[in-house]
């Protein structure tokens, strides 16, 4: 099995933090987006994590709050 990229690992940690407190500030959101695009390539794991993250934002599981 292929090892996840370093950017996927960093992205996972940032998203886990947002999930743990069920909210994301504009700065945290930007940090997540920057981490996803850090290496200039979205791999399969990153796409999956971003899709799940955005689904949680859409359904209200994670709230966007002011920073």
PDB file of N, CA and C in Angstrom:
ATOM      1  N   UNK A   1       0.847  -1.183   0.000  1.00  0.00           N
ATOM      2  CA  UNK A   1       0.000   0.000   0.000  1.00  0.00           C
ATOM      3  C   UNK A   1       0.885   1.236   0.000  1.00  0.00           C
ATOM      4  N   UNK A   2       0.516   2.198  -0.788  1.00  0.00           N
ATOM      5  CA  UNK A   2       1.282   3.426  -0.932  1.00  0.00           C
ATOM      6  C   UNK A   2       1.154   4.293   0.316  1.00  0.00           C
ATOM      7  N   UNK A   3       2.277   4.849   0.756  1.00  0.00           N
ATOM      8  CA  UNK A   3       2.283   5.727   1.934  1.00  0.00           C
ATOM      9  C   UNK A   3       1.723   7.093   1.552  1.00  0.00           C
ATOM     10  N   UNK A   4       0.853   7.676   2.423  1.00  0.00           N
ATOM     11  CA  UNK A   4       0.305   9.007   2.117  1.00  0.00           C
ATOM     12  C   UNK A   4       1.421  10.057   2.043  1.00  0.00           C
ATOM     13  N   UNK A   5       1.212  11.063   1.222  1.00  0.00           N
ATOM     14  CA  UNK A   5       2.195  12.132   1.097  1.00  0.00           C
ATOM     15  C   UNK A   5       2.270  12.931   2.390  1.00  0.00           C
ATOM     16  N   UNK A   6       3.354  13.686   2.552  1.00  0.00           N
ATOM     17  CA  UNK A   6       3.507  14.525   3.740  1.00  0.00           C
ATOM     18  C   UNK A   6       2.404  15.569   3.814  1.00  0.00           C
ATOM     19  N   UNK A   7       2.019  16.128   2.667  1.00  0.00           N
ATOM     20  CA  UNK A   7       0.956  17.128   2.683  1.00  0.00           C
ATOM     21  C   UNK A   7      -0.370  16.490   3.082  1.00  0.00           C
ATOM     22  N   UNK A   8      -0.611  15.235   2.698  1.00  0.00           N
ATOM     23  CA  UNK A   8      -1.833  14.542   3.114  1.00  0.00           C
ATOM     24  C   UNK A   8      -1.829  14.338   4.623  1.00  0.00           C
ATOM     25  N   UNK A   9      -0.674  14.015   5.174  1.00  0.00           N
ATOM     26  CA  UNK A   9      -0.553  13.829   6.626  1.00  0.00           C
ATOM     27  C   UNK A   9      -0.806  15.138   7.356  1.00  0.00           C
ATOM     28  N   UNK A  10      -0.229  16.234   6.875  1.00  0.00           N
ATOM     29  CA  UNK A  10      -0.452  17.546   7.485  1.00  0.00           C
ATOM     30  C   UNK A  10      -1.921  17.951   7.372  1.00  0.00           C
ATOM     31  N   UNK A  11      -2.500  17.715   6.220  1.00  0.00           N
ATOM     32  CA  UNK A  11      -3.903  18.045   5.989  1.00  0.00           C
ATOM     33  C   UNK A  11      -4.793  17.279   6.957  1.00  0.00           C
ATOM     34  N   UNK A  12      -4.489  16.014   7.148  1.00  0.00           N
ATOM     35  CA  UNK A  12      -5.266  15.177   8.054  1.00  0.00           C
ATOM     36  C   UNK A  12      -5.247  15.755   9.469  1.00  0.00           C
ATOM     37  N   UNK A  13      -4.089  16.191   9.937  1.00  0.00           N
ATOM     38  CA  UNK A  13      -3.984  16.757  11.283  1.00  0.00           C
ATOM     39  C   UNK A  13      -4.799  18.046  11.412  1.00  0.00           C
ATOM     40  N   UNK A  14      -4.744  18.898  10.414  1.00  0.00           N
ATOM     41  CA  UNK A  14      -5.508  20.153  10.450  1.00  0.00           C
ATOM     42  C   UNK A  14      -7.014  19.884  10.463  1.00  0.00           C
ATOM     43  N   UNK A  15      -7.455  18.944   9.649  1.00  0.00           N
ATOM     44  CA  UNK A  15      -8.875  18.611   9.601  1.00  0.00           C
ATOM     45  C   UNK A  15      -9.313  17.942  10.908  1.00  0.00           C
ATOM     46  N   UNK A  16      -8.465  17.080  11.465  1.00  0.00           N
ATOM     47  CA  UNK A  16      -8.795  16.451  12.742  1.00  0.00           C
ATOM     48  C   UNK A  16      -9.010  17.502  13.821  1.00  0.00           C
ATOM     49  N   UNK A  17      -8.204  18.564  13.807  1.00  0.00           N
ATOM     50  CA  UNK A  17      -8.376  19.639  14.791  1.00  0.00           C
ATOM     51  C   UNK A  17      -9.727  20.322  14.613  1.00  0.00           C
ATOM     52  N   UNK A  18     -10.098  20.609  13.375  1.00  0.00           N
ATOM     53  CA  UNK A  18     -11.391  21.243  13.101  1.00  0.00           C
ATOM     54  C   UNK A  18     -12.540  20.350  13.549  1.00  0.00           C
ATOM     55  N   UNK A  19     -12.400  19.058  13.356  1.00  0.00           N
ATOM     56  CA  UNK A  19     -13.444  18.117  13.765  1.00  0.00           C
ATOM     57  C   UNK A  19     -13.517  18.033  15.287  1.00  0.00           C
ATOM     58  N   UNK A  20     -12.372  18.075  15.937  1.00  0.00           N
ATOM     59  CA  UNK A  20     -12.355  17.898  17.392  1.00  0.00           C
ATOM     60  C   UNK A  20     -13.121  18.995  18.130  1.00  0.00           C
ATOM     61  N   UNK A  21     -13.055  20.237  17.635  1.00  0.00           N
ATOM     62  CA  UNK A  21     -13.806  21.303  18.306  1.00  0.00           C
ATOM     63  C   UNK A  21     -15.059  21.718  17.527  1.00  0.00           C
ATOM     64  N   UNK A  22     -15.334  21.023  16.424  1.00  0.00           N
ATOM     65  CA  UNK A  22     -16.539  21.209  15.606  1.00  0.00           C
ATOM     66  C   UNK A  22     -16.707  22.625  15.080  1.00  0.00           C
ATOM     67  N   UNK A  23     -15.598  23.334  14.928  1.00  0.00           N
ATOM     68  CA  UNK A  23     -15.659  24.654  14.312  1.00  0.00           C
ATOM     69  C   UNK A  23     -14.339  24.959  13.617  1.00  0.00           C
ATOM     70  N   UNK A  24     -14.430  25.879  12.664  1.00  0.00           N
ATOM     71  CA  UNK A  24     -13.246  26.274  11.915  1.00  0.00           C
ATOM     72  C   UNK A  24     -13.307  27.782  11.697  1.00  0.00           C
ATOM     73  N   UNK A  25     -12.201  28.438  11.997  1.00  0.00           N
ATOM     74  CA  UNK A  25     -12.106  29.878  11.780  1.00  0.00           C
ATOM     75  C   UNK A  25     -11.677  30.118  10.339  1.00  0.00           C
ATOM     76  N   UNK A  26     -11.824  31.353   9.854  1.00  0.00           N
ATOM     77  CA  UNK A  26     -11.329  31.643   8.501  1.00  0.00           C
ATOM     78  C   UNK A  26      -9.831  31.331   8.345  1.00  0.00           C
ATOM     79  N   UNK A  27      -9.052  31.617   9.377  1.00  0.00           N
ATOM     80  CA  UNK A  27      -7.612  31.327   9.307  1.00  0.00           C
ATOM     81  C   UNK A  27      -7.346  29.827   9.244  1.00  0.00           C
ATOM     82  N   UNK A  28      -8.096  29.037  10.024  1.00  0.00           N
ATOM     83  CA  UNK A  28      -7.931  27.581   9.990  1.00  0.00           C
ATOM     84  C   UNK A  28      -8.375  27.026   8.637  1.00  0.00           C
ATOM     85  N   UNK A  29      -9.469  27.561   8.119  1.00  0.00           N
ATOM     86  CA  UNK A  29      -9.950  27.115   6.801  1.00  0.00           C
ATOM     87  C   UNK A  29      -8.881  27.383   5.742  1.00  0.00           C
ATOM     88  N   UNK A  30      -8.307  28.582   5.776  1.00  0.00           N
ATOM     89  CA  UNK A  30      -7.276  28.926   4.801  1.00  0.00           C
ATOM     90  C   UNK A  30      -6.048  28.034   4.973  1.00  0.00           C
ATOM     91  N   UNK A  31      -5.709  27.720   6.219  1.00  0.00           N
ATOM     92  CA  UNK A  31      -4.575  26.844   6.490  1.00  0.00           C
ATOM     93  C   UNK A  31      -4.823  25.450   5.902  1.00  0.00           C
ATOM     94  N   UNK A  32      -6.053  24.964   6.012  1.00  0.00           N
ATOM     95  CA  UNK A  32      -6.412  23.657   5.450  1.00  0.00           C
ATOM     96  C   UNK A  32      -6.291  23.693   3.929  1.00  0.00           C
ATOM     97  N   UNK A  33      -6.813  24.738   3.307  1.00  0.00           N
ATOM     98  CA  UNK A  33      -6.736  24.851   1.849  1.00  0.00           C
ATOM     99  C   UNK A  33      -5.279  24.987   1.384  1.00  0.00           C
ATOM    100  N   UNK A  34      -4.499  25.779   2.095  1.00  0.00           N
ATOM    101  CA  UNK A  34      -3.080  25.942   1.747  1.00  0.00           C
ATOM    102  C   UNK A  34      -2.329  24.623   1.888  1.00  0.00           C
ATOM    103  N   UNK A  35      -2.626  23.868   2.944  1.00  0.00           N
ATOM    104  CA  UNK A  35      -1.954  22.581   3.153  1.00  0.00           C
ATOM    105  C   UNK A  35      -2.289  21.609   2.025  1.00  0.00           C
ATOM    106  N   UNK A  36      -3.533  21.639   1.579  1.00  0.00           N
ATOM    107  CA  UNK A  36      -3.944  20.739   0.500  1.00  0.00           C
ATOM    108  C   UNK A  36      -3.199  21.035  -0.795  1.00  0.00           C
ATOM    109  N   UNK A  37      -2.928  22.295  -1.030  1.00  0.00           N
ATOM    110  CA  UNK A  37      -2.284  22.704  -2.288  1.00  0.00           C
ATOM    111  C   UNK A  37      -0.787  22.954  -2.144  1.00  0.00           C
ATOM    112  N   UNK A  38      -0.241  22.650  -0.974  1.00  0.00           N
ATOM    113  CA  UNK A  38       1.154  22.953  -0.658  1.00  0.00           C
ATOM    114  C   UNK A  38       2.149  22.394  -1.676  1.00  0.00           C
ATOM    115  N   UNK A  39       1.931  21.179  -2.119  1.00  0.00           N
ATOM    116  CA  UNK A  39       2.875  20.573  -3.056  1.00  0.00           C
ATOM    117  C   UNK A  39       2.446  20.736  -4.516  1.00  0.00           C
ATOM    118  N   UNK A  40       1.360  21.498  -4.727  1.00  0.00           N
ATOM    119  CA  UNK A  40       0.907  21.760  -6.087  1.00  0.00           C
ATOM    120  C   UNK A  40       0.147  20.615  -6.723  1.00  0.00           C
ATOM    121  N   UNK A  41      -0.170  19.591  -5.933  1.00  0.00           N
ATOM    122  CA  UNK A  41      -0.863  18.423  -6.475  1.00  0.00           C
ATOM    123  C   UNK A  41      -1.813  17.875  -5.419  1.00  0.00           C
ATOM    124  N   UNK A  42      -3.076  17.669  -5.801  1.00  0.00           N
ATOM    125  CA  UNK A  42      -4.044  17.028  -4.909  1.00  0.00           C
ATOM    126  C   UNK A  42      -4.052  15.537  -5.218  1.00  0.00           C
ATOM    127  N   UNK A  43      -3.548  14.741  -4.273  1.00  0.00           N
ATOM    128  CA  UNK A  43      -3.587  13.299  -4.496  1.00  0.00           C
ATOM    129  C   UNK A  43      -4.927  12.737  -4.029  1.00  0.00           C
ATOM    130  N   UNK A  44      -5.113  11.457  -4.211  1.00  0.00           N
ATOM    131  CA  UNK A  44      -6.389  10.807  -3.922  1.00  0.00           C
ATOM    132  C   UNK A  44      -6.804  10.980  -2.454  1.00  0.00           C
ATOM    133  N   UNK A  45      -5.856  10.828  -1.537  1.00  0.00           N
ATOM    134  CA  UNK A  45      -6.157  10.962  -0.110  1.00  0.00           C
ATOM    135  C   UNK A  45      -6.586  12.384   0.225  1.00  0.00           C
ATOM    136  N   UNK A  46      -5.881  13.364  -0.336  1.00  0.00           N
ATOM    137  CA  UNK A  46      -6.210  14.767  -0.078  1.00  0.00           C
ATOM    138  C   UNK A  46      -7.600  15.105  -0.618  1.00  0.00           C
ATOM    139  N   UNK A  47      -7.908  14.638  -1.811  1.00  0.00           N
ATOM    140  CA  UNK A  47      -9.239  14.884  -2.387  1.00  0.00           C
ATOM    141  C   UNK A  47     -10.328  14.289  -1.508  1.00  0.00           C
ATOM    142  N   UNK A  48     -10.110  13.098  -1.013  1.00  0.00           N
ATOM    143  CA  UNK A  48     -11.079  12.433  -0.163  1.00  0.00           C
ATOM    144  C   UNK A  48     -11.279  13.197   1.145  1.00  0.00           C
ATOM    145  N   UNK A  49     -10.177  13.606   1.767  1.00  0.00           N
ATOM    146  CA  UNK A  49     -10.278  14.351   3.024  1.00  0.00           C
ATOM    147  C   UNK A  49     -10.989  15.685   2.826  1.00  0.00           C
ATOM    148  N   UNK A  50     -10.656  16.392   1.759  1.00  0.00           N
ATOM    149  CA  UNK A  50     -11.303  17.673   1.495  1.00  0.00           C
ATOM    150  C   UNK A  50     -12.791  17.491   1.210  1.00  0.00           C
ATOM    151  N   UNK A  51     -13.138  16.441   0.509  1.00  0.00           N
ATOM    152  CA  UNK A  51     -14.536  16.162   0.216  1.00  0.00           C
ATOM    153  C   UNK A  51     -15.315  15.917   1.505  1.00  0.00           C
ATOM    154  N   UNK A  52     -14.766  15.119   2.399  1.00  0.00           N
ATOM    155  CA  UNK A  52     -15.421  14.831   3.673  1.00  0.00           C
ATOM    156  C   UNK A  52     -15.496  16.100   4.530  1.00  0.00           C
ATOM    157  N   UNK A  53     -14.429  16.888   4.538  1.00  0.00           N
ATOM    158  CA  UNK A  53     -14.401  18.136   5.302  1.00  0.00           C
ATOM    159  C   UNK A  53     -15.493  19.089   4.805  1.00  0.00           C
ATOM    160  N   UNK A  54     -15.583  19.257   3.490  1.00  0.00           N
ATOM    161  CA  UNK A  54     -16.596  20.148   2.934  1.00  0.00           C
ATOM    162  C   UNK A  54     -18.015  19.615   3.160  1.00  0.00           C
ATOM    163  N   UNK A  55     -18.182  18.308   3.165  1.00  0.00           N
ATOM    164  CA  UNK A  55     -19.493  17.721   3.464  1.00  0.00           C
ATOM    165  C   UNK A  55     -19.894  18.044   4.902  1.00  0.00           C
ATOM    166  N   UNK A  56     -18.928  17.969   5.826  1.00  0.00           N
ATOM    167  CA  UNK A  56     -19.223  18.294   7.224  1.00  0.00           C
ATOM    168  C   UNK A  56     -19.544  19.777   7.397  1.00  0.00           C
ATOM    169  N   UNK A  57     -18.910  20.626   6.609  1.00  0.00           N
ATOM    170  CA  UNK A  57     -19.253  22.050   6.639  1.00  0.00           C
ATOM    171  C   UNK A  57     -20.659  22.264   6.087  1.00  0.00           C
ATOM    172  N   UNK A  58     -20.976  21.593   4.996  1.00  0.00           N
ATOM    173  CA  UNK A  58     -22.278  21.742   4.345  1.00  0.00           C
ATOM    174  C   UNK A  58     -23.435  21.263   5.211  1.00  0.00           C
ATOM    175  N   UNK A  59     -23.221  20.153   5.910  1.00  0.00           N
ATOM    176  CA  UNK A  59     -24.324  19.608   6.710  1.00  0.00           C
ATOM    177  C   UNK A  59     -24.363  20.156   8.133  1.00  0.00           C
ATOM    178  N   UNK A  60     -23.431  21.054   8.455  1.00  0.00           N
ATOM    179  CA  UNK A  60     -23.458  21.703   9.767  1.00  0.00           C
ATOM    180  C   UNK A  60     -22.732  20.991  10.887  1.00  0.00           C
ATOM    181  N   UNK A  61     -22.090  19.871  10.571  1.00  0.00           N
ATOM    182  CA  UNK A  61     -21.326  19.157  11.592  1.00  0.00           C
ATOM    183  C   UNK A  61     -20.200  20.045  12.115  1.00  0.00           C
ATOM    184  N   UNK A  62     -19.515  20.711  11.185  1.00  0.00           N
ATOM    185  CA  UNK A  62     -18.476  21.682  11.538  1.00  0.00           C
ATOM    186  C   UNK A  62     -19.016  23.052  11.184  1.00  0.00           C
ATOM    187  N   UNK A  63     -18.928  23.969  12.109  1.00  0.00           N
ATOM    188  CA  UNK A  63     -19.413  25.336  11.901  1.00  0.00           C
ATOM    189  C   UNK A  63     -18.241  26.244  11.537  1.00  0.00           C
ATOM    190  N   UNK A  64     -18.492  27.147  10.608  1.00  0.00           N
ATOM    191  CA  UNK A  64     -17.522  28.207  10.307  1.00  0.00           C
ATOM    192  C   UNK A  64     -17.796  29.348  11.262  1.00  0.00           C
ATOM    193  N   UNK A  65     -16.767  29.766  11.991  1.00  0.00           N
ATOM    194  CA  UNK A  65     -16.915  30.844  12.975  1.00  0.00           C
ATOM    195  C   UNK A  65     -15.960  31.980  12.634  1.00  0.00           C
ATOM    196  N   UNK A  66     -16.241  33.137  13.202  1.00  0.00           N
ATOM    197  CA  UNK A  66     -15.347  34.280  12.997  1.00  0.00           C
ATOM    198  C   UNK A  66     -14.081  34.072  13.806  1.00  0.00           C
ATOM    199  N   UNK A  67     -12.968  34.521  13.260  1.00  0.00           N
ATOM    200  CA  UNK A  67     -11.667  34.354  13.896  1.00  0.00           C
ATOM    201  C   UNK A  67     -11.415  35.331  14.912  1.00  0.00           C
TER     202      UNK A  67
END
